[in-house]
Structure formats: structure tokens, C-alpha cells
Amino acid sequence: MERWFPIRTARLLLREFRASDEFDVHEYASDPIVSQFDEWGPNTPEKTSERLARHLREQERWPRQEVDLAVELLSEQKIIGSTSVWMSDEKNRTAGFGYTFNQRYWNQGFATEATRALLNSCFQSFEMHRVWASCDVRNIGSWRVMEKLGMRREGMFLRDKFQKGVWRDSYLYAILADEWQSACR
């Protein structure tokens, strides 16, 4: 498969990470509000540096099962978040995805715009049958993005993840290729 990125939208560029992105990445990765519902964070400068170095090493391989992309705000030439997509079940053409955004850029449609572009790639470039994501039930912003994109809540898992010393509940969202095609018309 050919590389299907970078992806340009009206306001964003989804691209591979660069070493020069470290300051912008650390800005959101060190924010306890941004990472409150995730297994990671808030990051120390060392942890952000290690994570970015891992992304850069992984980018040397192609093809790969998981792709992590920086989300650059074109008007500011600044990394405002990241998104990932991974093959979770190759035989059944199923992929999962996730995203993280700098708190200063929340509620402006950037997560929806980036995820829409990512889902387009999943269904058009990869010919996925189903794409899914999960989030902490308390992460209202995250599940609202998925609902805006036409994804359906397929379930709620009780105390399925032990994070930061407590058990959390998760929502599972998904969308099928034919549903995506109908939603895009």
C-alpha cells in the first residue's frame, strides 16, 4: 500500500511527526486536563521526548500496522494535536483510532475535521469495513466528536480500564463503510 498521508483539510495538515514538533507536542502532552482520561500523562519533558523519538523511529518503517500523525494548524504552522489509526482486525477489515488535542484548540471543530479526514482515508484508501474508537464515559468532548461524525455508541464497558489508580467505564463507538458513505452524501 502506498502512503496515504499527509492529508490536507481546510484548516489542518495531518502529517508525520518531525523532531522540531517537540515543543508543541509537549505543550498539550504536559497538560493534566488534556490527559485526564488517558492512560498516559501528564508528560514530563523527558517522556514527551521519548515518545516523539519513538514516533520518529516508527516512521522509518513502511508499511506499518499503526500510523500516528501530527495535526498541524495551517494558519499557525503549529502542532495542535495528534491522531492515530491502527489495524485491529485485518481479516475483518476493522481499524481503531484515537486523538488528542491541545486544550487551547478545543470546541473549534478541529478534532471533528481531523477525524473526518482520517475516517475518509480508512474507508477509501484502506477499504475498511468497520472503524471504531472508545473513550472514557466522562470525556464528553470525545464522544460528541464521534457522534457528530455519525458514529453510533455500540456499548458501555463497566470498569474496563484501570487508569491512574481507578477503574474507568468506557463507551465504544463504531461506524460501518456503508453508513459512512451515506453520511457523506
C-alpha atoms as a PDB file:
ATOM      1  CA  MET A   1       0.000   0.000   0.000  1.00  0.00           C
ATOM      2  CA  GLU A   2       1.179   3.486  -0.826  1.00  0.00           C
ATOM      3  CA  ARG A   3       1.457   6.064   1.918  1.00  0.00           C
ATOM      4  CA  TRP A   4      -1.950   7.725   2.210  1.00  0.00           C
ATOM      5  CA  PHE A   5      -0.758  10.775   4.095  1.00  0.00           C
ATOM      6  CA  PRO A   6      -0.176  13.660   4.556  1.00  0.00           C
ATOM      7  CA  ILE A   7      -3.813  14.694   4.462  1.00  0.00           C
ATOM      8  CA  ARG A   8      -4.775  18.320   3.987  1.00  0.00           C
ATOM      9  CA  THR A   9      -8.158  19.673   5.090  1.00  0.00           C
ATOM     10  CA  ALA A  10      -9.475  23.241   5.014  1.00  0.00           C
ATOM     11  CA  ARG A  11      -7.522  24.195   8.152  1.00  0.00           C
ATOM     12  CA  LEU A  12      -5.287  21.271   9.018  1.00  0.00           C
ATOM     13  CA  LEU A  13      -2.436  19.112   7.798  1.00  0.00           C
ATOM     14  CA  LEU A  14      -2.242  15.567   9.157  1.00  0.00           C
ATOM     15  CA  ARG A  15       1.372  14.535   8.675  1.00  0.00           C
ATOM     16  CA  GLU A  16       4.178  12.523  10.179  1.00  0.00           C
ATOM     17  CA  PHE A  17       5.948  13.946  13.194  1.00  0.00           C
ATOM     18  CA  ARG A  18       9.196  15.898  12.989  1.00  0.00           C
ATOM     19  CA  ALA A  19      11.821  16.387  15.684  1.00  0.00           C
ATOM     20  CA  SER A  20      11.017  20.108  15.577  1.00  0.00           C
ATOM     21  CA  ASP A  21       7.458  19.362  16.825  1.00  0.00           C
ATOM     22  CA  GLU A  22       8.633  18.614  20.357  1.00  0.00           C
ATOM     23  CA  PHE A  23       7.735  21.979  21.915  1.00  0.00           C
ATOM     24  CA  ASP A  24       4.188  21.935  20.500  1.00  0.00           C
ATOM     25  CA  VAL A  25       3.651  18.286  21.439  1.00  0.00           C
ATOM     26  CA  HIS A  26       4.850  18.864  24.985  1.00  0.00           C
ATOM     27  CA  GLU A  27       2.517  21.845  25.327  1.00  0.00           C
ATOM     28  CA  TYR A  28      -0.532  19.568  25.163  1.00  0.00           C
ATOM     29  CA  ALA A  29       1.057  16.339  26.434  1.00  0.00           C
ATOM     30  CA  SER A  30       2.071  18.001  29.721  1.00  0.00           C
ATOM     31  CA  ASP A  31      -1.414  19.406  30.375  1.00  0.00           C
ATOM     32  CA  PRO A  32      -3.195  17.389  33.096  1.00  0.00           C
ATOM     33  CA  ILE A  33      -6.606  18.397  31.690  1.00  0.00           C
ATOM     34  CA  VAL A  34      -5.723  17.036  28.231  1.00  0.00           C
ATOM     35  CA  SER A  35      -4.515  13.694  29.596  1.00  0.00           C
ATOM     36  CA  GLN A  36      -7.029  13.257  32.420  1.00  0.00           C
ATOM     37  CA  PHE A  37      -8.981  10.496  30.634  1.00  0.00           C
ATOM     38  CA  ASP A  38      -5.971   8.734  29.088  1.00  0.00           C
ATOM     39  CA  GLU A  39      -3.534   6.105  30.311  1.00  0.00           C
ATOM     40  CA  TRP A  40      -0.584   8.427  29.685  1.00  0.00           C
ATOM     41  CA  GLY A  41       0.354  11.827  31.052  1.00  0.00           C
ATOM     42  CA  PRO A  42       0.704  14.426  32.041  1.00  0.00           C
ATOM     43  CA  ASN A  43       4.124  14.071  30.439  1.00  0.00           C
ATOM     44  CA  THR A  44       7.439  15.267  31.747  1.00  0.00           C
ATOM     45  CA  PRO A  45       9.740  16.834  29.128  1.00  0.00           C
ATOM     46  CA  GLU A  46      11.687  13.553  29.094  1.00  0.00           C
ATOM     47  CA  LYS A  47       8.574  11.462  28.490  1.00  0.00           C
ATOM     48  CA  THR A  48       7.480  13.697  25.604  1.00  0.00           C
ATOM     49  CA  SER A  49      10.974  13.476  24.106  1.00  0.00           C
ATOM     50  CA  GLU A  50      10.958   9.666  24.408  1.00  0.00           C
ATOM     51  CA  ARG A  51       7.504   9.403  22.838  1.00  0.00           C
ATOM     52  CA  LEU A  52       8.432  11.680  19.939  1.00  0.00           C
ATOM     53  CA  ALA A  53      11.658   9.729  19.366  1.00  0.00           C
ATOM     54  CA  ARG A  54       9.585   6.532  19.208  1.00  0.00           C
ATOM     55  CA  HIS A  55       7.256   8.096  16.609  1.00  0.00           C
ATOM     56  CA  LEU A  56      10.262   9.142  14.518  1.00  0.00           C
ATOM     57  CA  ARG A  57      11.745   5.606  14.665  1.00  0.00           C
ATOM     58  CA  GLU A  58       8.408   4.017  13.737  1.00  0.00           C
ATOM     59  CA  GLN A  59       8.049   6.362  10.757  1.00  0.00           C
ATOM     60  CA  GLU A  60      11.114   4.759   9.169  1.00  0.00           C
ATOM     61  CA  ARG A  61       9.098   1.559   8.586  1.00  0.00           C
ATOM     62  CA  TRP A  62       6.514   1.124   5.851  1.00  0.00           C
ATOM     63  CA  PRO A  63       4.085  -0.435   5.779  1.00  0.00           C
ATOM     64  CA  ARG A  64       3.124  -0.495   9.465  1.00  0.00           C
ATOM     65  CA  GLN A  65       0.054  -1.582  11.421  1.00  0.00           C
ATOM     66  CA  GLU A  66      -0.316   1.711  13.314  1.00  0.00           C
ATOM     67  CA  VAL A  67       0.100   5.235  11.989  1.00  0.00           C
ATOM     68  CA  ASP A  68       0.493   8.201  14.336  1.00  0.00           C
ATOM     69  CA  LEU A  69       0.106  11.617  12.740  1.00  0.00           C
ATOM     70  CA  ALA A  70       0.703  15.141  13.977  1.00  0.00           C
ATOM     71  CA  VAL A  71      -2.180  17.550  13.422  1.00  0.00           C
ATOM     72  CA  GLU A  72      -0.818  20.885  12.235  1.00  0.00           C
ATOM     73  CA  LEU A  73      -2.943  24.037  12.234  1.00  0.00           C
ATOM     74  CA  LEU A  74      -2.007  25.527   8.877  1.00  0.00           C
ATOM     75  CA  SER A  75      -2.723  29.159   9.801  1.00  0.00           C
ATOM     76  CA  GLU A  76      -0.267  28.994  12.721  1.00  0.00           C
ATOM     77  CA  GLN A  77       2.082  26.259  11.443  1.00  0.00           C
ATOM     78  CA  LYS A  78       1.681  24.718  14.889  1.00  0.00           C
ATOM     79  CA  ILE A  79       1.021  21.157  16.053  1.00  0.00           C
ATOM     80  CA  ILE A  80      -2.259  21.277  17.969  1.00  0.00           C
ATOM     81  CA  GLY A  81      -2.771  17.557  18.454  1.00  0.00           C
ATOM     82  CA  SER A  82      -2.266  14.066  17.166  1.00  0.00           C
ATOM     83  CA  THR A  83      -4.315  11.248  15.751  1.00  0.00           C
ATOM     84  CA  SER A  84      -3.653   7.540  15.372  1.00  0.00           C
ATOM     85  CA  VAL A  85      -5.178   4.733  13.392  1.00  0.00           C
ATOM     86  CA  TRP A  86      -4.368   1.039  13.675  1.00  0.00           C
ATOM     87  CA  MET A  87      -5.448  -2.188  12.073  1.00  0.00           C
ATOM     88  CA  SER A  88      -7.258  -4.049  14.829  1.00  0.00           C
ATOM     89  CA  ASP A  89      -8.540  -6.964  12.744  1.00  0.00           C
ATOM     90  CA  GLU A  90      -7.050  -7.316   9.266  1.00  0.00           C
ATOM     91  CA  LYS A  91      -9.167 -10.304   8.219  1.00  0.00           C
ATOM     92  CA  ASN A  92     -12.399  -8.447   9.011  1.00  0.00           C
ATOM     93  CA  ARG A  93     -11.095  -5.087   7.709  1.00  0.00           C
ATOM     94  CA  THR A  94     -11.516  -3.327  11.055  1.00  0.00           C
ATOM     95  CA  ALA A  95      -9.484  -0.372  12.296  1.00  0.00           C
ATOM     96  CA  GLY A  96      -9.404   1.622  15.517  1.00  0.00           C
ATOM     97  CA  PHE A  97      -8.448   5.240  16.010  1.00  0.00           C
ATOM     98  CA  GLY A  98      -7.812   7.859  18.666  1.00  0.00           C
ATOM     99  CA  TYR A  99      -6.922  11.520  19.014  1.00  0.00           C
ATOM    100  CA  THR A 100      -5.578  14.108  21.443  1.00  0.00           C
ATOM    101  CA  PHE A 101      -5.757  17.881  21.098  1.00  0.00           C
ATOM    102  CA  ASN A 102      -4.265  20.898  22.823  1.00  0.00           C
ATOM    103  CA  GLN A 103      -6.882  22.292  25.203  1.00  0.00           C
ATOM    104  CA  ARG A 104      -6.490  25.788  23.698  1.00  0.00           C
ATOM    105  CA  TYR A 105      -7.947  24.421  20.441  1.00  0.00           C
ATOM    106  CA  TRP A 106     -10.955  22.567  21.844  1.00  0.00           C
ATOM    107  CA  ASN A 107     -14.512  23.454  20.776  1.00  0.00           C
ATOM    108  CA  GLN A 108     -13.409  24.845  17.418  1.00  0.00           C
ATOM    109  CA  GLY A 109     -14.138  21.783  15.269  1.00  0.00           C
ATOM    110  CA  PHE A 110     -10.511  20.723  14.803  1.00  0.00           C
ATOM    111  CA  ALA A 111     -10.935  17.211  16.250  1.00  0.00           C
ATOM    112  CA  THR A 112     -14.013  16.653  14.078  1.00  0.00           C
ATOM    113  CA  GLU A 113     -12.225  17.954  10.970  1.00  0.00           C
ATOM    114  CA  ALA A 114      -9.123  15.813  11.545  1.00  0.00           C
ATOM    115  CA  THR A 115     -11.123  12.699  12.390  1.00  0.00           C
ATOM    116  CA  ARG A 116     -13.386  13.129   9.363  1.00  0.00           C
ATOM    117  CA  ALA A 117     -10.277  13.165   7.154  1.00  0.00           C
ATOM    118  CA  LEU A 118      -8.886  10.108   8.952  1.00  0.00           C
ATOM    119  CA  LEU A 119     -12.158   8.188   8.548  1.00  0.00           C
ATOM    120  CA  ASN A 120     -12.269   9.092   4.844  1.00  0.00           C
ATOM    121  CA  SER A 121      -8.848   7.508   4.471  1.00  0.00           C
ATOM    122  CA  CYS A 122      -9.905   4.419   6.412  1.00  0.00           C
ATOM    123  CA  PHE A 123     -12.874   3.790   4.156  1.00  0.00           C
ATOM    124  CA  GLN A 124     -11.432   4.966   0.837  1.00  0.00           C
ATOM    125  CA  SER A 125      -7.700   4.164   0.960  1.00  0.00           C
ATOM    126  CA  PHE A 126      -7.808   1.076   3.218  1.00  0.00           C
ATOM    127  CA  GLU A 127     -11.274  -0.108   2.203  1.00  0.00           C
ATOM    128  CA  MET A 128     -12.129  -0.784   5.840  1.00  0.00           C
ATOM    129  CA  HIS A 129     -15.465  -2.394   6.650  1.00  0.00           C
ATOM    130  CA  ARG A 130     -15.693  -1.022  10.205  1.00  0.00           C
ATOM    131  CA  VAL A 131     -13.879   1.653  12.202  1.00  0.00           C
ATOM    132  CA  TRP A 132     -14.196   2.022  15.964  1.00  0.00           C
ATOM    133  CA  ALA A 133     -12.962   4.093  18.899  1.00  0.00           C
ATOM    134  CA  SER A 134     -13.502   4.105  22.626  1.00  0.00           C
ATOM    135  CA  CYS A 135     -13.336   6.775  25.291  1.00  0.00           C
ATOM    136  CA  ASP A 136     -13.866   7.347  28.983  1.00  0.00           C
ATOM    137  CA  VAL A 137     -17.595   7.947  29.572  1.00  0.00           C
ATOM    138  CA  ARG A 138     -16.720  11.231  31.313  1.00  0.00           C
ATOM    139  CA  ASN A 139     -14.935  12.515  28.189  1.00  0.00           C
ATOM    140  CA  ILE A 140     -17.955  14.311  26.771  1.00  0.00           C
ATOM    141  CA  GLY A 141     -15.939  16.213  24.153  1.00  0.00           C
ATOM    142  CA  SER A 142     -14.539  13.000  22.715  1.00  0.00           C
ATOM    143  CA  TRP A 143     -17.800  11.119  22.372  1.00  0.00           C
ATOM    144  CA  ARG A 144     -19.509  14.207  20.958  1.00  0.00           C
ATOM    145  CA  VAL A 145     -16.917  14.300  18.164  1.00  0.00           C
ATOM    146  CA  MET A 146     -17.713  10.684  17.326  1.00  0.00           C
ATOM    147  CA  GLU A 147     -21.446  11.359  17.334  1.00  0.00           C
ATOM    148  CA  LYS A 148     -21.001  14.418  15.068  1.00  0.00           C
ATOM    149  CA  LEU A 149     -19.290  12.109  12.593  1.00  0.00           C
ATOM    150  CA  GLY A 150     -22.257   9.743  12.527  1.00  0.00           C
ATOM    151  CA  MET A 151     -20.698   7.050  14.685  1.00  0.00           C
ATOM    152  CA  ARG A 152     -23.029   5.055  16.871  1.00  0.00           C
ATOM    153  CA  ARG A 153     -22.494   4.155  20.512  1.00  0.00           C
ATOM    154  CA  GLU A 154     -22.369   0.363  20.466  1.00  0.00           C
ATOM    155  CA  GLY A 155     -21.859  -0.198  24.132  1.00  0.00           C
ATOM    156  CA  MET A 156     -20.614   0.777  27.530  1.00  0.00           C
ATOM    157  CA  PHE A 157     -17.990  -1.262  29.328  1.00  0.00           C
ATOM    158  CA  LEU A 158     -18.107  -1.052  33.112  1.00  0.00           C
ATOM    159  CA  ARG A 159     -14.778  -0.606  34.894  1.00  0.00           C
ATOM    160  CA  ASP A 160     -12.886  -1.991  31.902  1.00  0.00           C
ATOM    161  CA  LYS A 161      -9.660   0.014  32.316  1.00  0.00           C
ATOM    162  CA  PHE A 162      -7.540   0.657  35.375  1.00  0.00           C
ATOM    163  CA  GLN A 163      -6.021   4.090  34.864  1.00  0.00           C
ATOM    164  CA  LYS A 164      -4.277   6.438  37.238  1.00  0.00           C
ATOM    165  CA  GLY A 165      -5.295   4.372  40.244  1.00  0.00           C
ATOM    166  CA  VAL A 166      -9.018   3.959  39.461  1.00  0.00           C
ATOM    167  CA  TRP A 167     -11.270   1.817  37.309  1.00  0.00           C
ATOM    168  CA  ARG A 168     -12.978   3.690  34.486  1.00  0.00           C
ATOM    169  CA  ASP A 169     -16.010   2.976  32.332  1.00  0.00           C
ATOM    170  CA  SER A 170     -15.711   3.253  28.545  1.00  0.00           C
ATOM    171  CA  TYR A 171     -18.016   3.890  25.617  1.00  0.00           C
ATOM    172  CA  LEU A 172     -17.444   2.062  22.357  1.00  0.00           C
ATOM    173  CA  TYR A 173     -18.357   3.863  19.124  1.00  0.00           C
ATOM    174  CA  ALA A 174     -18.209   2.496  15.570  1.00  0.00           C
ATOM    175  CA  ILE A 175     -19.281   3.153  12.023  1.00  0.00           C
ATOM    176  CA  LEU A 176     -19.523   0.847   9.004  1.00  0.00           C
ATOM    177  CA  ALA A 177     -18.355   1.703   5.490  1.00  0.00           C
ATOM    178  CA  ASP A 178     -21.883   1.873   4.054  1.00  0.00           C
ATOM    179  CA  GLU A 179     -23.005   4.101   6.941  1.00  0.00           C
ATOM    180  CA  TRP A 180     -20.043   6.407   6.309  1.00  0.00           C
ATOM    181  CA  GLN A 181     -20.871   6.606   2.607  1.00  0.00           C
ATOM    182  CA  SER A 182     -24.494   7.506   3.414  1.00  0.00           C
ATOM    183  CA  ALA A 183     -23.425  10.127   5.967  1.00  0.00           C
ATOM    184  CA  CYS A 184     -21.055  11.755   3.452  1.00  0.00           C
ATOM    185  CA  ARG A 185     -23.703  12.290   0.773  1.00  0.00           C
END
